[in-house]
Amino acid sequence: MTPTQTSPGLVVNTPISGLKLSDFKLIAFDMDSTLINIECIDEIADAVGRKAQVAAITEAAMRGEITDFKDSLRRRVALLQGVSVASMEEVYRERLRLNPGAAELVRACKAAGLKVLLVSGGFTYFADRVRDLLDIDYLRANVLEIQNGLLTGKLVDQPWGDICDGEEKRRTLLATCAELGIEPRQAIAMGDGANDLPMMGVAGLSVAYHAKPKVREQAMVAINEGGLDRLLELLK
């Protein structure tokens, strides 16, 4: 099927006419470069002069060129050894911003009765704050190990597993649907990178936001210009 550009920068790959926001019960967001404007791990690395090294791995992973996300994340986190909590606080305070339309879309979803899930290959240090800022209902993200105020270069295992990768994102979306007593087709999933494709693939509506080419092609809807709330142009 030929993609339809409904208006500049908004591409529909799969017909969704007639769908309303209230037809869905859950919306799941990736965090870095989707809900927020930065890749947190790249900005943390900047504090120790390793941004270029880390960003190169991040970019390859998001494009899908590195297929083992867990391995790529461990490699990047190892390069963060010695970064201070104070430096991470500075990243949050000075560099992290919500992407345009994020608050508006979350507010509209909650008003329509949807629950909101933040499922991130990033870190709870930032994700916890984004959750609180947007009043998000569910969160899954990775935990950085900190000792004496410094990153150790390792991650902390959690009850659900070690790393939130693409498969864990998919599993979390499905588990949240089960907890809510809804079908996956009643969920929306929004992301920008290759590790978002597994959860986007099981959701009833998949939305790529300023995404890598592979993700734009596979998503049902691609927002290539403007804010996250452009989804509301399609779902009244």
C-alpha atoms as a PDB file:
ATOM      1  CA  MET A   1       0.000   0.000   0.000  1.00  0.00           C
ATOM      2  CA  THR A   2       1.256   3.473  -0.911  1.00  0.00           C
ATOM      3  CA  PRO A   3       1.799   5.714   2.121  1.00  0.00           C
ATOM      4  CA  THR A   4      -0.523   8.720   2.336  1.00  0.00           C
ATOM      5  CA  GLN A   5       0.780  12.102   3.448  1.00  0.00           C
ATOM      6  CA  THR A   6      -2.313  13.570   5.092  1.00  0.00           C
ATOM      7  CA  SER A   7      -0.567  16.892   5.697  1.00  0.00           C
ATOM      8  CA  PRO A   8       3.087  17.987   5.601  1.00  0.00           C
ATOM      9  CA  GLY A   9       5.227  15.693   7.709  1.00  0.00           C
ATOM     10  CA  LEU A  10       2.427  13.317   8.702  1.00  0.00           C
ATOM     11  CA  VAL A  11       2.469  10.003   6.828  1.00  0.00           C
ATOM     12  CA  VAL A  12      -0.082   7.199   7.153  1.00  0.00           C
ATOM     13  CA  ASN A  13       1.238   3.834   5.972  1.00  0.00           C
ATOM     14  CA  THR A  14      -1.849   1.861   7.049  1.00  0.00           C
ATOM     15  CA  PRO A  15      -5.407   3.220   6.805  1.00  0.00           C
ATOM     16  CA  ILE A  16      -6.742   4.249  10.222  1.00  0.00           C
ATOM     17  CA  SER A  17      -9.687   6.420   9.216  1.00  0.00           C
ATOM     18  CA  GLY A  18     -12.546   6.285  11.665  1.00  0.00           C
ATOM     19  CA  LEU A  19     -10.381   5.484  14.678  1.00  0.00           C
ATOM     20  CA  LYS A  20     -10.792   7.689  17.739  1.00  0.00           C
ATOM     21  CA  LEU A  21      -8.476   8.184  20.687  1.00  0.00           C
ATOM     22  CA  SER A  22     -11.136   6.686  22.937  1.00  0.00           C
ATOM     23  CA  ASP A  23     -10.975   3.426  20.942  1.00  0.00           C
ATOM     24  CA  PHE A  24      -7.698   2.801  22.788  1.00  0.00           C
ATOM     25  CA  LYS A  25      -7.048   2.115  26.464  1.00  0.00           C
ATOM     26  CA  LEU A  26      -3.246   2.379  26.693  1.00  0.00           C
ATOM     27  CA  ILE A  27      -0.494   4.433  25.091  1.00  0.00           C
ATOM     28  CA  ALA A  28       3.148   3.360  25.430  1.00  0.00           C
ATOM     29  CA  PHE A  29       5.996   5.795  24.842  1.00  0.00           C
ATOM     30  CA  ASP A  30       9.695   5.364  24.346  1.00  0.00           C
ATOM     31  CA  MET A  31      11.547   8.125  26.231  1.00  0.00           C
ATOM     32  CA  ASP A  32      14.831   9.239  24.644  1.00  0.00           C
ATOM     33  CA  SER A  33      14.253  11.198  21.407  1.00  0.00           C
ATOM     34  CA  THR A  34      10.524  10.413  21.643  1.00  0.00           C
ATOM     35  CA  LEU A  35       9.043  11.934  24.790  1.00  0.00           C
ATOM     36  CA  ILE A  36      12.207  13.944  25.424  1.00  0.00           C
ATOM     37  CA  ASN A  37      14.642  15.797  23.173  1.00  0.00           C
ATOM     38  CA  ILE A  38      17.900  13.997  23.988  1.00  0.00           C
ATOM     39  CA  GLU A  39      19.545  10.597  24.197  1.00  0.00           C
ATOM     40  CA  CYS A  40      20.402  10.767  27.910  1.00  0.00           C
ATOM     41  CA  ILE A  41      23.288   8.312  27.680  1.00  0.00           C
ATOM     42  CA  ASP A  42      25.027  10.449  25.045  1.00  0.00           C
ATOM     43  CA  GLU A  43      24.706  13.568  27.180  1.00  0.00           C
ATOM     44  CA  ILE A  44      25.962  11.796  30.327  1.00  0.00           C
ATOM     45  CA  ALA A  45      28.991  10.621  28.335  1.00  0.00           C
ATOM     46  CA  ASP A  46      29.687  14.215  27.372  1.00  0.00           C
ATOM     47  CA  ALA A  47      30.584  14.868  31.023  1.00  0.00           C
ATOM     48  CA  VAL A  48      33.649  12.625  30.676  1.00  0.00           C
ATOM     49  CA  GLY A  49      34.551  13.533  27.109  1.00  0.00           C
ATOM     50  CA  ARG A  50      33.213  10.292  25.653  1.00  0.00           C
ATOM     51  CA  LYS A  51      30.078  11.533  23.870  1.00  0.00           C
ATOM     52  CA  ALA A  52      31.342  10.764  20.362  1.00  0.00           C
ATOM     53  CA  GLN A  53      32.184   7.163  21.266  1.00  0.00           C
ATOM     54  CA  VAL A  54      28.865   6.550  22.999  1.00  0.00           C
ATOM     55  CA  ALA A  55      26.761   8.411  20.425  1.00  0.00           C
ATOM     56  CA  ALA A  56      28.225   6.337  17.583  1.00  0.00           C
ATOM     57  CA  ILE A  57      27.100   3.120  19.307  1.00  0.00           C
ATOM     58  CA  THR A  58      23.697   4.637  20.153  1.00  0.00           C
ATOM     59  CA  GLU A  59      23.111   5.701  16.554  1.00  0.00           C
ATOM     60  CA  ALA A  60      24.066   2.291  15.160  1.00  0.00           C
ATOM     61  CA  ALA A  61      21.783   0.552  17.665  1.00  0.00           C
ATOM     62  CA  MET A  62      18.830   2.847  16.880  1.00  0.00           C
ATOM     63  CA  ARG A  63      19.295   2.284  13.144  1.00  0.00           C
ATOM     64  CA  GLY A  64      19.222  -1.453  13.788  1.00  0.00           C
ATOM     65  CA  GLU A  65      22.813  -2.008  12.676  1.00  0.00           C
ATOM     66  CA  ILE A  66      23.721  -3.398  16.107  1.00  0.00           C
ATOM     67  CA  THR A  67      21.190  -6.142  16.697  1.00  0.00           C
ATOM     68  CA  ASP A  68      22.167  -6.993  20.273  1.00  0.00           C
ATOM     69  CA  PHE A  69      20.827  -3.976  22.148  1.00  0.00           C
ATOM     70  CA  LYS A  70      21.822  -5.393  25.528  1.00  0.00           C
ATOM     71  CA  ASP A  71      25.435  -5.744  24.466  1.00  0.00           C
ATOM     72  CA  SER A  72      25.468  -2.256  22.955  1.00  0.00           C
ATOM     73  CA  LEU A  73      23.992  -0.763  26.136  1.00  0.00           C
ATOM     74  CA  ARG A  74      26.500  -2.522  28.369  1.00  0.00           C
ATOM     75  CA  ARG A  75      29.329  -1.210  26.181  1.00  0.00           C
ATOM     76  CA  ARG A  76      27.999   2.325  26.401  1.00  0.00           C
ATOM     77  CA  VAL A  77      27.300   2.203  30.142  1.00  0.00           C
ATOM     78  CA  ALA A  78      30.847   0.946  30.763  1.00  0.00           C
ATOM     79  CA  LEU A  79      32.107   4.164  29.171  1.00  0.00           C
ATOM     80  CA  LEU A  80      30.172   6.152  31.795  1.00  0.00           C
ATOM     81  CA  GLN A  81      32.296   4.873  34.671  1.00  0.00           C
ATOM     82  CA  GLY A  82      33.288   7.754  36.936  1.00  0.00           C
ATOM     83  CA  VAL A  83      30.533  10.180  35.911  1.00  0.00           C
ATOM     84  CA  SER A  84      29.168  11.949  38.991  1.00  0.00           C
ATOM     85  CA  VAL A  85      25.540  12.186  40.031  1.00  0.00           C
ATOM     86  CA  ALA A  86      26.081  15.950  39.951  1.00  0.00           C
ATOM     87  CA  SER A  87      26.892  15.713  36.229  1.00  0.00           C
ATOM     88  CA  MET A  88      23.710  13.703  35.615  1.00  0.00           C
ATOM     89  CA  GLU A  89      21.728  16.317  37.522  1.00  0.00           C
ATOM     90  CA  GLU A  90      23.230  18.952  35.251  1.00  0.00           C
ATOM     91  CA  VAL A  91      22.142  16.977  32.167  1.00  0.00           C
ATOM     92  CA  TYR A  92      18.609  16.807  33.539  1.00  0.00           C
ATOM     93  CA  ARG A  93      18.485  20.469  34.503  1.00  0.00           C
ATOM     94  CA  GLU A  94      20.211  22.022  31.492  1.00  0.00           C
ATOM     95  CA  ARG A  95      19.690  19.682  28.545  1.00  0.00           C
ATOM     96  CA  LEU A  96      16.592  17.533  29.004  1.00  0.00           C
ATOM     97  CA  ARG A  97      13.345  18.971  27.684  1.00  0.00           C
ATOM     98  CA  LEU A  98      10.026  17.412  26.804  1.00  0.00           C
ATOM     99  CA  ASN A  99       9.557  17.183  23.067  1.00  0.00           C
ATOM    100  CA  PRO A 100       6.934  19.491  21.544  1.00  0.00           C
ATOM    101  CA  GLY A 101       3.410  18.222  22.049  1.00  0.00           C
ATOM    102  CA  ALA A 102       4.385  15.621  24.673  1.00  0.00           C
ATOM    103  CA  ALA A 103       2.424  17.151  27.533  1.00  0.00           C
ATOM    104  CA  GLU A 104      -0.516  17.930  25.250  1.00  0.00           C
ATOM    105  CA  LEU A 105      -0.724  14.385  23.884  1.00  0.00           C
ATOM    106  CA  VAL A 106      -0.429  12.754  27.311  1.00  0.00           C
ATOM    107  CA  ARG A 107      -3.084  15.096  28.682  1.00  0.00           C
ATOM    108  CA  ALA A 108      -5.435  14.312  25.780  1.00  0.00           C
ATOM    109  CA  CYS A 109      -4.887  10.565  26.212  1.00  0.00           C
ATOM    110  CA  LYS A 110      -5.633  10.682  29.930  1.00  0.00           C
ATOM    111  CA  ALA A 111      -8.738  12.789  29.285  1.00  0.00           C
ATOM    112  CA  ALA A 112      -9.920  10.113  26.826  1.00  0.00           C
ATOM    113  CA  GLY A 113      -9.467   7.421  29.487  1.00  0.00           C
ATOM    114  CA  LEU A 114      -6.148   5.918  28.374  1.00  0.00           C
ATOM    115  CA  LYS A 115      -3.463   4.742  30.778  1.00  0.00           C
ATOM    116  CA  VAL A 116       0.086   5.823  29.959  1.00  0.00           C
ATOM    117  CA  LEU A 117       3.180   3.613  29.937  1.00  0.00           C
ATOM    118  CA  LEU A 118       6.761   4.873  29.680  1.00  0.00           C
ATOM    119  CA  VAL A 119       9.021   2.027  28.580  1.00  0.00           C
ATOM    120  CA  SER A 120      12.622   3.006  28.045  1.00  0.00           C
ATOM    121  CA  GLY A 121      16.021   1.583  27.243  1.00  0.00           C
ATOM    122  CA  GLY A 122      17.256   4.634  29.145  1.00  0.00           C
ATOM    123  CA  PHE A 123      17.589   5.173  32.851  1.00  0.00           C
ATOM    124  CA  THR A 124      15.327   5.582  35.854  1.00  0.00           C
ATOM    125  CA  TYR A 125      17.372   8.592  37.001  1.00  0.00           C
ATOM    126  CA  PHE A 126      15.656  10.556  34.230  1.00  0.00           C
ATOM    127  CA  ALA A 127      12.590   8.394  33.558  1.00  0.00           C
ATOM    128  CA  ASP A 128      11.318   8.709  37.141  1.00  0.00           C
ATOM    129  CA  ARG A 129      11.268  12.482  36.768  1.00  0.00           C
ATOM    130  CA  VAL A 130       9.583  12.387  33.359  1.00  0.00           C
ATOM    131  CA  ARG A 131       6.982  10.018  34.817  1.00  0.00           C
ATOM    132  CA  ASP A 132       6.254  12.419  37.671  1.00  0.00           C
ATOM    133  CA  LEU A 133       6.237  15.460  35.393  1.00  0.00           C
ATOM    134  CA  LEU A 134       3.642  13.955  33.043  1.00  0.00           C
ATOM    135  CA  ASP A 135       1.709  11.922  35.639  1.00  0.00           C
ATOM    136  CA  ILE A 136       2.504   8.666  33.804  1.00  0.00           C
ATOM    137  CA  ASP A 137       0.892   5.499  35.164  1.00  0.00           C
ATOM    138  CA  TYR A 138       3.493   2.802  34.424  1.00  0.00           C
ATOM    139  CA  LEU A 139       7.252   2.852  33.979  1.00  0.00           C
ATOM    140  CA  ARG A 140       9.973   0.431  32.958  1.00  0.00           C
ATOM    141  CA  ALA A 141      13.599   1.553  32.545  1.00  0.00           C
ATOM    142  CA  ASN A 142      17.143   0.597  33.450  1.00  0.00           C
ATOM    143  CA  VAL A 143      18.917   1.414  36.723  1.00  0.00           C
ATOM    144  CA  LEU A 144      22.461   2.773  36.729  1.00  0.00           C
ATOM    145  CA  GLU A 145      24.661   1.512  39.550  1.00  0.00           C
ATOM    146  CA  ILE A 146      25.968   4.365  41.713  1.00  0.00           C
ATOM    147  CA  GLN A 147      28.610   4.119  44.436  1.00  0.00           C
ATOM    148  CA  ASN A 148      29.935   7.058  46.417  1.00  0.00           C
ATOM    149  CA  GLY A 149      28.171   9.482  44.096  1.00  0.00           C
ATOM    150  CA  LEU A 150      29.772   8.070  40.933  1.00  0.00           C
ATOM    151  CA  LEU A 151      28.591   5.746  38.186  1.00  0.00           C
ATOM    152  CA  THR A 152      30.325   2.372  38.296  1.00  0.00           C
ATOM    153  CA  GLY A 153      29.812   1.653  34.602  1.00  0.00           C
ATOM    154  CA  LYS A 154      27.325  -1.124  35.403  1.00  0.00           C
ATOM    155  CA  LEU A 155      23.578  -1.613  35.537  1.00  0.00           C
ATOM    156  CA  VAL A 156      21.551  -2.962  38.468  1.00  0.00           C
ATOM    157  CA  ASP A 157      19.524  -6.130  37.883  1.00  0.00           C
ATOM    158  CA  GLN A 158      15.815  -5.752  38.615  1.00  0.00           C
ATOM    159  CA  PRO A 159      13.091  -8.283  39.502  1.00  0.00           C
ATOM    160  CA  TRP A 160      11.924  -8.404  35.874  1.00  0.00           C
ATOM    161  CA  GLY A 161      15.416  -8.862  34.386  1.00  0.00           C
ATOM    162  CA  ASP A 162      18.627  -7.083  33.563  1.00  0.00           C
ATOM    163  CA  ILE A 163      18.057  -4.674  30.670  1.00  0.00           C
ATOM    164  CA  CYS A 164      14.985  -3.120  29.079  1.00  0.00           C
ATOM    165  CA  ASP A 165      15.641  -3.888  25.420  1.00  0.00           C
ATOM    166  CA  GLY A 166      13.226  -4.267  22.516  1.00  0.00           C
ATOM    167  CA  GLU A 167      11.952  -7.636  23.694  1.00  0.00           C
ATOM    168  CA  GLU A 168      11.405  -6.321  27.216  1.00  0.00           C
ATOM    169  CA  LYS A 169       9.516  -3.347  25.794  1.00  0.00           C
ATOM    170  CA  ARG A 170       7.238  -5.752  23.921  1.00  0.00           C
ATOM    171  CA  ARG A 171       6.773  -7.937  26.981  1.00  0.00           C
ATOM    172  CA  THR A 172       6.022  -4.933  29.186  1.00  0.00           C
ATOM    173  CA  LEU A 173       3.394  -3.607  26.794  1.00  0.00           C
ATOM    174  CA  LEU A 174       1.711  -7.015  26.638  1.00  0.00           C
ATOM    175  CA  ALA A 175       1.903  -7.464  30.430  1.00  0.00           C
ATOM    176  CA  THR A 176       0.409  -4.005  31.005  1.00  0.00           C
ATOM    177  CA  CYS A 177      -2.429  -4.825  28.616  1.00  0.00           C
ATOM    178  CA  ALA A 178      -3.060  -8.057  30.524  1.00  0.00           C
ATOM    179  CA  GLU A 179      -3.035  -6.183  33.834  1.00  0.00           C
ATOM    180  CA  LEU A 180      -5.614  -3.734  32.460  1.00  0.00           C
ATOM    181  CA  GLY A 181      -7.726  -6.537  30.982  1.00  0.00           C
ATOM    182  CA  ILE A 182      -7.439  -5.178  27.443  1.00  0.00           C
ATOM    183  CA  GLU A 183      -6.259  -6.533  24.095  1.00  0.00           C
ATOM    184  CA  PRO A 184      -2.960  -5.350  22.562  1.00  0.00           C
ATOM    185  CA  ARG A 185      -4.968  -3.948  19.657  1.00  0.00           C
ATOM    186  CA  GLN A 186      -6.328  -1.409  22.170  1.00  0.00           C
ATOM    187  CA  ALA A 187      -2.811  -0.041  22.719  1.00  0.00           C
ATOM    188  CA  ILE A 188      -0.836   2.653  20.904  1.00  0.00           C
ATOM    189  CA  ALA A 189       2.977   2.433  20.836  1.00  0.00           C
ATOM    190  CA  MET A 190       5.199   5.395  19.922  1.00  0.00           C
ATOM    191  CA  GLY A 191       8.952   5.297  19.343  1.00  0.00           C
ATOM    192  CA  ASP A 192      11.851   6.345  17.162  1.00  0.00           C
ATOM    193  CA  GLY A 193      14.438   3.540  17.176  1.00  0.00           C
ATOM    194  CA  ALA A 194      14.855  -0.092  16.173  1.00  0.00           C
ATOM    195  CA  ASN A 195      14.429  -1.289  19.754  1.00  0.00           C
ATOM    196  CA  ASP A 196      10.890   0.155  19.705  1.00  0.00           C
ATOM    197  CA  LEU A 197       9.798  -2.033  16.791  1.00  0.00           C
ATOM    198  CA  PRO A 198       8.943  -5.135  18.886  1.00  0.00           C
ATOM    199  CA  MET A 199       6.387  -3.256  21.012  1.00  0.00           C
ATOM    200  CA  MET A 200       5.149  -1.293  18.005  1.00  0.00           C
ATOM    201  CA  GLY A 201       4.599  -4.585  16.207  1.00  0.00           C
ATOM    202  CA  VAL A 202       2.124  -5.923  18.772  1.00  0.00           C
ATOM    203  CA  ALA A 203       0.200  -2.687  19.363  1.00  0.00           C
ATOM    204  CA  GLY A 204      -3.037  -1.837  17.625  1.00  0.00           C
ATOM    205  CA  LEU A 205      -1.535   1.432  16.412  1.00  0.00           C
ATOM    206  CA  SER A 206       2.195   2.046  15.902  1.00  0.00           C
ATOM    207  CA  VAL A 207       3.514   5.590  15.567  1.00  0.00           C
ATOM    208  CA  ALA A 208       7.041   6.607  14.550  1.00  0.00           C
ATOM    209  CA  TYR A 209       8.154   9.997  15.842  1.00  0.00           C
ATOM    210  CA  HIS A 210      11.013  11.723  13.973  1.00  0.00           C
ATOM    211  CA  ALA A 211      12.280   8.183  13.635  1.00  0.00           C
ATOM    212  CA  LYS A 212      15.020   6.234  11.906  1.00  0.00           C
ATOM    213  CA  PRO A 213      14.105   5.186   8.325  1.00  0.00           C
ATOM    214  CA  LYS A 214      13.496   1.536   9.245  1.00  0.00           C
ATOM    215  CA  VAL A 215      11.029   2.592  11.947  1.00  0.00           C
ATOM    216  CA  ARG A 216       9.228   5.130   9.740  1.00  0.00           C
ATOM    217  CA  GLU A 217       8.703   2.453   7.105  1.00  0.00           C
ATOM    218  CA  GLN A 218       7.283  -0.159   9.489  1.00  0.00           C
ATOM    219  CA  ALA A 219       5.059   2.095  11.592  1.00  0.00           C
ATOM    220  CA  MET A 220       1.400   2.579  10.725  1.00  0.00           C
ATOM    221  CA  VAL A 221       1.820   6.331  11.174  1.00  0.00           C
ATOM    222  CA  ALA A 222       4.980   8.444  10.916  1.00  0.00           C
ATOM    223  CA  ILE A 223       5.207  11.937  12.392  1.00  0.00           C
ATOM    224  CA  ASN A 224       8.165  13.432  10.547  1.00  0.00           C
ATOM    225  CA  GLU A 225       7.537  17.105  11.287  1.00  0.00           C
ATOM    226  CA  GLY A 226       6.036  18.891  14.264  1.00  0.00           C
ATOM    227  CA  GLY A 227       5.181  17.637  17.734  1.00  0.00           C
ATOM    228  CA  LEU A 228       3.902  14.419  19.277  1.00  0.00           C
ATOM    229  CA  ASP A 229       0.414  15.878  19.500  1.00  0.00           C
ATOM    230  CA  ARG A 230       0.114  15.682  15.709  1.00  0.00           C
ATOM    231  CA  LEU A 231      -1.292  12.215  16.388  1.00  0.00           C
ATOM    232  CA  LEU A 232      -4.429  14.048  17.498  1.00  0.00           C
ATOM    233  CA  GLU A 233      -4.927  15.205  13.908  1.00  0.00           C
ATOM    234  CA  LEU A 234      -5.686  11.565  13.067  1.00  0.00           C
ATOM    235  CA  LEU A 235      -7.438  10.432  16.228  1.00  0.00           C
ATOM    236  CA  LYS A 236     -10.183  12.797  17.316  1.00  0.00           C
END
